[in-house]
Every structure is written in C-alpha cells, then in structure tokens.
Amino acid sequence: MQNEGRKGADIEERLLEFAVRVGKAVDALPDTRLGRHIAGQLVRLGTSPAPNYAEACAAESKKDFIHKPAIALKELRESNMWIRMIVKSELIPEQRLEQLQDECDQLCKIIAKSLVTAESNQSRREERGE
C-alpha cells in the first residue's frame, strides 16, 4: 500500500473501503424511481469523503487542512441519512446495511474529533501569532 506509514493513512483506507461498499449497496438498489434517485445521491456522497480526506492530507494551508475533512464529514452525515432512507423504504434489508451504517457512524465520529483537534490547534497558533 502506497500510503502505509503516513499519518491518517488508516482513515483514508477506511474511507476508500466505505466508498467501495457504498458502490455495492447502490448497485443492489432496485431500478425504481426511488431506487434510482437514492442511488444517484448516495453514489456521489458516499464516494467523495475518501478523495476529500486524501486532499486534506496534502493541504496547501492549515485552513485547507481543516476545510477538506469538514466536507468529508458533511458528506458522510448525508450518506448516513440516505442509508437510513434505504432501510426505512425497505429497498434493501436492514441487516445487509448494518455494517455499512455502523462504519459510516464510526467515520463521522473519527473525522469530527479530528476536526475539533485541528481547529483547536489552529486557534492556539493564531493566539500565539503564528
């Protein structure tokens, strides 16, 4: 793996795996009006956190370093809502999406915590005039 040893590589890999699993869930949706609508939304949202996080790891500024994961978090949260809608609409059995939903929840918590830390560190730097 090319990212091995780099800080954040494990989260990046989990986000990539999440994107792949979202793709498979999208492919399992029925070819109905609702299924197609959710598929279009979820495929965009569920596959974008990984590249956004990867961009954050190569950010050109501290502000950019905070902005990219914030986008990833926003899109993970929205993905979670679409996954819940799939379950509520009974388009895919809940037990088939439990692990995907759990991983989405965990990734949200990890990135949210990371953002709190990054923003706190940024605030301290600004207070010191750095």
N, C-alpha and C. Protein backbone atom coordinates (compact mmCIF):
# COMPACT_ATOMS: atom_id res chain seq x y z
N MET A 1 0.86 -1.18 0.00
CA MET A 1 0.00 0.00 0.00
C MET A 1 0.90 1.24 0.00
N GLN A 2 0.59 2.19 -0.87
CA GLN A 2 1.45 3.36 -1.02
C GLN A 2 1.33 4.35 0.12
N ASN A 3 0.26 4.35 0.88
CA ASN A 3 0.06 5.31 1.96
C ASN A 3 0.55 4.82 3.31
N GLU A 4 1.07 3.59 3.35
CA GLU A 4 1.48 3.00 4.62
C GLU A 4 2.48 3.89 5.34
N GLY A 5 2.29 4.05 6.62
CA GLY A 5 3.22 4.83 7.43
C GLY A 5 2.89 6.32 7.49
N ARG A 6 2.07 6.81 6.61
CA ARG A 6 1.70 8.22 6.61
C ARG A 6 0.56 8.42 7.59
N LYS A 7 0.64 9.50 8.37
CA LYS A 7 -0.40 9.80 9.34
C LYS A 7 -1.74 9.95 8.61
N GLY A 8 -2.75 9.30 9.11
CA GLY A 8 -4.08 9.37 8.51
C GLY A 8 -4.32 8.32 7.44
N ALA A 9 -3.31 7.50 7.12
CA ALA A 9 -3.47 6.51 6.07
C ALA A 9 -4.54 5.47 6.42
N ASP A 10 -4.65 5.12 7.70
CA ASP A 10 -5.66 4.13 8.10
C ASP A 10 -7.07 4.67 7.88
N ILE A 11 -7.29 5.94 8.19
CA ILE A 11 -8.61 6.54 7.97
C ILE A 11 -8.88 6.65 6.48
N GLU A 12 -7.87 7.05 5.73
CA GLU A 12 -8.03 7.15 4.28
C GLU A 12 -8.42 5.79 3.69
N GLU A 13 -7.78 4.73 4.17
CA GLU A 13 -8.09 3.38 3.68
C GLU A 13 -9.51 2.98 4.07
N ARG A 14 -9.93 3.32 5.28
CA ARG A 14 -11.30 3.02 5.71
C ARG A 14 -12.31 3.80 4.87
N LEU A 15 -12.00 5.04 4.55
CA LEU A 15 -12.89 5.83 3.70
C LEU A 15 -12.98 5.25 2.29
N LEU A 16 -11.85 4.76 1.78
CA LEU A 16 -11.85 4.12 0.47
C LEU A 16 -12.71 2.86 0.49
N GLU A 17 -12.54 2.05 1.52
CA GLU A 17 -13.34 0.84 1.66
C GLU A 17 -14.82 1.18 1.81
N PHE A 18 -15.12 2.24 2.56
CA PHE A 18 -16.50 2.70 2.69
C PHE A 18 -17.08 3.05 1.32
N ALA A 19 -16.31 3.77 0.52
CA ALA A 19 -16.76 4.16 -0.82
C ALA A 19 -17.07 2.94 -1.68
N VAL A 20 -16.23 1.94 -1.60
CA VAL A 20 -16.45 0.71 -2.37
C VAL A 20 -17.73 0.02 -1.91
N ARG A 21 -17.91 -0.04 -0.60
CA ARG A 21 -19.11 -0.68 -0.05
C ARG A 21 -20.37 0.10 -0.40
N VAL A 22 -20.28 1.43 -0.42
CA VAL A 22 -21.42 2.25 -0.85
C VAL A 22 -21.76 1.93 -2.31
N GLY A 23 -20.73 1.82 -3.14
CA GLY A 23 -20.96 1.48 -4.54
C GLY A 23 -21.70 0.17 -4.71
N LYS A 24 -21.34 -0.81 -3.90
CA LYS A 24 -22.01 -2.11 -3.98
C LYS A 24 -23.45 -2.01 -3.50
N ALA A 25 -23.69 -1.21 -2.46
CA ALA A 25 -25.06 -1.02 -1.97
C ALA A 25 -25.90 -0.32 -3.03
N VAL A 26 -25.32 0.68 -3.67
CA VAL A 26 -26.02 1.41 -4.73
C VAL A 26 -26.40 0.45 -5.86
N ASP A 27 -25.47 -0.43 -6.23
CA ASP A 27 -25.74 -1.39 -7.31
C ASP A 27 -26.84 -2.38 -6.93
N ALA A 28 -27.06 -2.58 -5.62
CA ALA A 28 -28.09 -3.51 -5.16
C ALA A 28 -29.48 -2.87 -5.07
N LEU A 29 -29.54 -1.55 -5.24
CA LEU A 29 -30.84 -0.87 -5.16
C LEU A 29 -31.72 -1.26 -6.34
N PRO A 30 -33.04 -1.33 -6.11
CA PRO A 30 -33.94 -1.68 -7.21
C PRO A 30 -34.00 -0.56 -8.26
N ASP A 31 -34.31 -0.95 -9.47
CA ASP A 31 -34.42 0.01 -10.57
C ASP A 31 -35.83 0.61 -10.57
N THR A 32 -36.12 1.35 -9.50
CA THR A 32 -37.39 2.06 -9.37
C THR A 32 -37.06 3.55 -9.34
N ARG A 33 -38.08 4.37 -9.39
CA ARG A 33 -37.85 5.81 -9.34
C ARG A 33 -37.11 6.20 -8.06
N LEU A 34 -37.57 5.69 -6.92
CA LEU A 34 -36.93 5.99 -5.64
C LEU A 34 -35.52 5.39 -5.58
N GLY A 35 -35.39 4.15 -6.02
CA GLY A 35 -34.09 3.49 -6.01
C GLY A 35 -33.07 4.25 -6.83
N ARG A 36 -33.47 4.71 -8.02
CA ARG A 36 -32.55 5.47 -8.87
C ARG A 36 -32.19 6.82 -8.25
N HIS A 37 -33.18 7.46 -7.63
CA HIS A 37 -32.91 8.77 -7.00
C HIS A 37 -31.90 8.62 -5.86
N ILE A 38 -32.17 7.67 -4.98
CA ILE A 38 -31.26 7.45 -3.85
C ILE A 38 -29.89 7.02 -4.37
N ALA A 39 -29.86 6.15 -5.37
CA ALA A 39 -28.59 5.69 -5.92
C ALA A 39 -27.74 6.86 -6.41
N GLY A 40 -28.36 7.78 -7.13
CA GLY A 40 -27.62 8.94 -7.64
C GLY A 40 -27.05 9.80 -6.53
N GLN A 41 -27.85 10.03 -5.50
CA GLN A 41 -27.39 10.83 -4.37
C GLN A 41 -26.29 10.12 -3.60
N LEU A 42 -26.53 8.86 -3.26
CA LEU A 42 -25.61 8.12 -2.40
C LEU A 42 -24.28 7.84 -3.09
N VAL A 43 -24.30 7.57 -4.38
CA VAL A 43 -23.04 7.28 -5.06
C VAL A 43 -22.14 8.52 -5.06
N ARG A 44 -22.72 9.70 -5.20
CA ARG A 44 -21.92 10.94 -5.16
C ARG A 44 -21.40 11.22 -3.75
N LEU A 45 -22.29 11.14 -2.79
CA LEU A 45 -21.93 11.48 -1.41
C LEU A 45 -21.03 10.44 -0.76
N GLY A 46 -21.32 9.19 -0.97
CA GLY A 46 -20.59 8.12 -0.30
C GLY A 46 -19.20 7.87 -0.85
N THR A 47 -18.95 8.33 -2.08
CA THR A 47 -17.63 8.13 -2.66
C THR A 47 -16.74 9.36 -2.55
N SER A 48 -17.26 10.48 -2.13
CA SER A 48 -16.43 11.70 -2.09
C SER A 48 -15.63 11.90 -0.80
N PRO A 49 -16.00 11.35 0.36
CA PRO A 49 -15.18 11.58 1.54
C PRO A 49 -13.73 11.10 1.39
N ALA A 50 -13.52 9.97 0.73
CA ALA A 50 -12.15 9.45 0.58
C ALA A 50 -11.24 10.43 -0.18
N PRO A 51 -11.64 10.91 -1.36
CA PRO A 51 -10.76 11.86 -2.05
C PRO A 51 -10.63 13.20 -1.32
N ASN A 52 -11.68 13.64 -0.65
CA ASN A 52 -11.58 14.88 0.11
C ASN A 52 -10.59 14.73 1.26
N TYR A 53 -10.63 13.60 1.93
CA TYR A 53 -9.70 13.35 3.03
C TYR A 53 -8.27 13.25 2.48
N ALA A 54 -8.12 12.58 1.36
CA ALA A 54 -6.79 12.47 0.74
C ALA A 54 -6.24 13.85 0.39
N GLU A 55 -7.09 14.73 -0.11
CA GLU A 55 -6.66 16.09 -0.41
C GLU A 55 -6.25 16.83 0.86
N ALA A 56 -6.95 16.59 1.95
CA ALA A 56 -6.61 17.24 3.22
C ALA A 56 -5.21 16.84 3.66
N CYS A 57 -4.84 15.60 3.40
CA CYS A 57 -3.52 15.12 3.80
C CYS A 57 -2.41 15.81 3.02
N ALA A 58 -2.77 16.42 1.90
CA ALA A 58 -1.78 17.16 1.09
C ALA A 58 -2.16 18.64 1.00
N ALA A 59 -2.83 19.12 2.02
CA ALA A 59 -3.34 20.50 2.02
C ALA A 59 -2.20 21.51 1.88
N GLU A 60 -2.53 22.61 1.21
CA GLU A 60 -1.55 23.67 0.99
C GLU A 60 -1.53 24.68 2.14
N SER A 61 -2.55 24.64 3.00
CA SER A 61 -2.61 25.57 4.13
C SER A 61 -3.34 24.89 5.28
N LYS A 62 -3.21 25.49 6.46
CA LYS A 62 -3.92 24.96 7.63
C LYS A 62 -5.43 25.08 7.43
N LYS A 63 -5.85 26.18 6.81
CA LYS A 63 -7.27 26.40 6.55
C LYS A 63 -7.81 25.30 5.63
N ASP A 64 -7.06 24.98 4.59
CA ASP A 64 -7.45 23.92 3.66
C ASP A 64 -7.44 22.57 4.36
N PHE A 65 -6.49 22.37 5.28
CA PHE A 65 -6.39 21.13 6.03
C PHE A 65 -7.65 20.90 6.87
N ILE A 66 -8.26 21.95 7.33
CA ILE A 66 -9.50 21.85 8.11
C ILE A 66 -10.72 21.76 7.19
N HIS A 67 -10.68 22.49 6.08
CA HIS A 67 -11.84 22.57 5.18
C HIS A 67 -12.17 21.23 4.53
N LYS A 68 -11.18 20.52 4.02
CA LYS A 68 -11.43 19.27 3.28
C LYS A 68 -12.06 18.18 4.16
N PRO A 69 -11.55 17.94 5.37
CA PRO A 69 -12.23 16.94 6.21
C PRO A 69 -13.63 17.39 6.63
N ALA A 70 -13.83 18.69 6.72
CA ALA A 70 -15.17 19.19 7.06
C ALA A 70 -16.16 18.82 5.95
N ILE A 71 -15.70 18.90 4.71
CA ILE A 71 -16.55 18.48 3.58
C ILE A 71 -16.79 16.97 3.66
N ALA A 72 -15.74 16.21 3.94
CA ALA A 72 -15.88 14.76 4.06
C ALA A 72 -16.91 14.40 5.15
N LEU A 73 -16.83 15.09 6.28
CA LEU A 73 -17.77 14.83 7.37
C LEU A 73 -19.20 15.15 6.95
N LYS A 74 -19.39 16.28 6.31
CA LYS A 74 -20.72 16.68 5.85
C LYS A 74 -21.30 15.62 4.92
N GLU A 75 -20.49 15.11 4.02
CA GLU A 75 -20.98 14.14 3.06
C GLU A 75 -21.18 12.76 3.68
N LEU A 76 -20.40 12.43 4.69
CA LEU A 76 -20.64 11.19 5.42
C LEU A 76 -21.97 11.25 6.16
N ARG A 77 -22.23 12.39 6.79
CA ARG A 77 -23.50 12.54 7.51
C ARG A 77 -24.69 12.43 6.55
N GLU A 78 -24.56 13.03 5.40
CA GLU A 78 -25.65 12.95 4.43
C GLU A 78 -25.78 11.52 3.89
N SER A 79 -24.65 10.86 3.68
CA SER A 79 -24.69 9.45 3.26
C SER A 79 -25.45 8.61 4.28
N ASN A 80 -25.19 8.88 5.55
CA ASN A 80 -25.86 8.15 6.61
C ASN A 80 -27.38 8.31 6.50
N MET A 81 -27.83 9.50 6.18
CA MET A 81 -29.27 9.74 6.04
C MET A 81 -29.84 8.94 4.86
N TRP A 82 -29.12 8.90 3.74
CA TRP A 82 -29.60 8.14 2.58
C TRP A 82 -29.63 6.65 2.89
N ILE A 83 -28.64 6.16 3.62
CA ILE A 83 -28.62 4.74 4.01
C ILE A 83 -29.83 4.45 4.90
N ARG A 84 -30.10 5.35 5.82
CA ARG A 84 -31.28 5.18 6.68
C ARG A 84 -32.57 5.18 5.86
N MET A 85 -32.60 6.02 4.83
CA MET A 85 -33.79 6.08 3.97
C MET A 85 -33.97 4.77 3.20
N ILE A 86 -32.88 4.17 2.77
CA ILE A 86 -32.95 2.87 2.09
C ILE A 86 -33.58 1.84 3.01
N VAL A 87 -33.14 1.83 4.25
CA VAL A 87 -33.67 0.89 5.23
C VAL A 87 -35.14 1.17 5.51
N LYS A 88 -35.48 2.44 5.77
CA LYS A 88 -36.88 2.81 6.07
C LYS A 88 -37.80 2.48 4.91
N SER A 89 -37.30 2.65 3.69
CA SER A 89 -38.10 2.38 2.49
C SER A 89 -38.13 0.91 2.13
N GLU A 90 -37.37 0.12 2.88
CA GLU A 90 -37.29 -1.33 2.66
C GLU A 90 -36.80 -1.68 1.25
N LEU A 91 -35.87 -0.86 0.73
CA LEU A 91 -35.31 -1.12 -0.59
C LEU A 91 -34.24 -2.20 -0.53
N ILE A 92 -33.53 -2.26 0.59
CA ILE A 92 -32.54 -3.30 0.88
C ILE A 92 -32.77 -3.68 2.35
N PRO A 93 -32.73 -4.98 2.67
CA PRO A 93 -32.94 -5.39 4.06
C PRO A 93 -31.93 -4.74 5.01
N GLU A 94 -32.42 -4.34 6.16
CA GLU A 94 -31.61 -3.63 7.15
C GLU A 94 -30.33 -4.38 7.51
N GLN A 95 -30.44 -5.70 7.70
CA GLN A 95 -29.27 -6.47 8.10
C GLN A 95 -28.14 -6.40 7.08
N ARG A 96 -28.47 -6.15 5.80
CA ARG A 96 -27.43 -6.03 4.77
C ARG A 96 -26.70 -4.69 4.85
N LEU A 97 -27.31 -3.70 5.52
CA LEU A 97 -26.70 -2.37 5.59
C LEU A 97 -26.20 -2.00 6.98
N GLU A 98 -26.40 -2.88 7.96
CA GLU A 98 -26.00 -2.57 9.34
C GLU A 98 -24.52 -2.24 9.45
N GLN A 99 -23.65 -3.04 8.85
CA GLN A 99 -22.21 -2.80 8.94
C GLN A 99 -21.81 -1.52 8.22
N LEU A 100 -22.42 -1.26 7.09
CA LEU A 100 -22.14 -0.04 6.34
C LEU A 100 -22.55 1.18 7.16
N GLN A 101 -23.70 1.12 7.77
CA GLN A 101 -24.18 2.23 8.59
C GLN A 101 -23.31 2.41 9.83
N ASP A 102 -22.89 1.32 10.42
CA ASP A 102 -22.01 1.40 11.59
C ASP A 102 -20.67 2.03 11.21
N GLU A 103 -20.12 1.62 10.08
CA GLU A 103 -18.85 2.20 9.64
C GLU A 103 -19.01 3.69 9.34
N CYS A 104 -20.11 4.07 8.76
CA CYS A 104 -20.38 5.48 8.49
C CYS A 104 -20.43 6.26 9.80
N ASP A 105 -21.10 5.73 10.79
CA ASP A 105 -21.16 6.38 12.11
C ASP A 105 -19.77 6.53 12.72
N GLN A 106 -18.98 5.46 12.66
CA GLN A 106 -17.63 5.50 13.23
C GLN A 106 -16.76 6.52 12.51
N LEU A 107 -16.83 6.54 11.18
CA LEU A 107 -16.03 7.50 10.41
C LEU A 107 -16.45 8.94 10.74
N CYS A 108 -17.74 9.17 10.90
CA CYS A 108 -18.22 10.50 11.29
C CYS A 108 -17.60 10.92 12.62
N LYS A 109 -17.61 10.03 13.58
CA LYS A 109 -17.06 10.35 14.90
C LYS A 109 -15.56 10.61 14.84
N ILE A 110 -14.84 9.80 14.09
CA ILE A 110 -13.38 9.96 13.97
C ILE A 110 -13.04 11.30 13.32
N ILE A 111 -13.70 11.61 12.22
CA ILE A 111 -13.38 12.85 11.50
C ILE A 111 -13.84 14.06 12.30
N ALA A 112 -14.99 13.97 12.97
CA ALA A 112 -15.45 15.08 13.79
C ALA A 112 -14.45 15.37 14.91
N LYS A 113 -13.94 14.34 15.55
CA LYS A 113 -12.95 14.51 16.61
C LYS A 113 -11.67 15.10 16.05
N SER A 114 -11.26 14.63 14.91
CA SER A 114 -10.06 15.15 14.25
C SER A 114 -10.21 16.63 13.92
N LEU A 115 -11.40 17.02 13.47
CA LEU A 115 -11.66 18.43 13.16
C LEU A 115 -11.61 19.30 14.41
N VAL A 116 -12.19 18.81 15.50
CA VAL A 116 -12.15 19.56 16.76
C VAL A 116 -10.70 19.79 17.17
N THR A 117 -9.89 18.76 17.07
CA THR A 117 -8.47 18.87 17.43
C THR A 117 -7.75 19.85 16.50
N ALA A 118 -7.96 19.72 15.19
CA ALA A 118 -7.29 20.60 14.23
C ALA A 118 -7.70 22.05 14.43
N GLU A 119 -8.99 22.30 14.67
CA GLU A 119 -9.46 23.67 14.88
C GLU A 119 -8.91 24.24 16.18
N SER A 120 -8.82 23.41 17.21
CA SER A 120 -8.26 23.85 18.48
C SER A 120 -6.78 24.20 18.32
N ASN A 121 -6.05 23.35 17.62
CA ASN A 121 -4.63 23.63 17.37
C ASN A 121 -4.46 24.91 16.56
N GLN A 122 -5.32 25.11 15.57
CA GLN A 122 -5.26 26.32 14.74
C GLN A 122 -5.53 27.56 15.59
N SER A 123 -6.51 27.48 16.47
CA SER A 123 -6.85 28.62 17.34
C SER A 123 -5.67 28.97 18.25
N ARG A 124 -5.02 27.94 18.79
CA ARG A 124 -3.84 28.19 19.66
C ARG A 124 -2.71 28.84 18.88
N ARG A 125 -2.50 28.40 17.63
CA ARG A 125 -1.46 29.02 16.80
C ARG A 125 -1.76 30.49 16.54
N GLU A 126 -3.02 30.77 16.25
CA GLU A 126 -3.42 32.15 15.97
C GLU A 126 -3.25 33.03 17.20
N GLU A 127 -3.57 32.48 18.37
CA GLU A 127 -3.40 33.24 19.63
C GLU A 127 -1.93 33.57 19.88
N ARG A 128 -1.04 32.68 19.47
CA ARG A 128 0.39 32.91 19.65
C ARG A 128 0.99 33.76 18.52
N GLY A 129 0.15 34.07 17.53
CA GLY A 129 0.61 34.89 16.41
C GLY A 129 1.41 34.14 15.37
N GLU A 130 1.22 32.85 15.30
CA GLU A 130 1.95 32.05 14.32
C GLU A 130 1.26 32.03 12.99
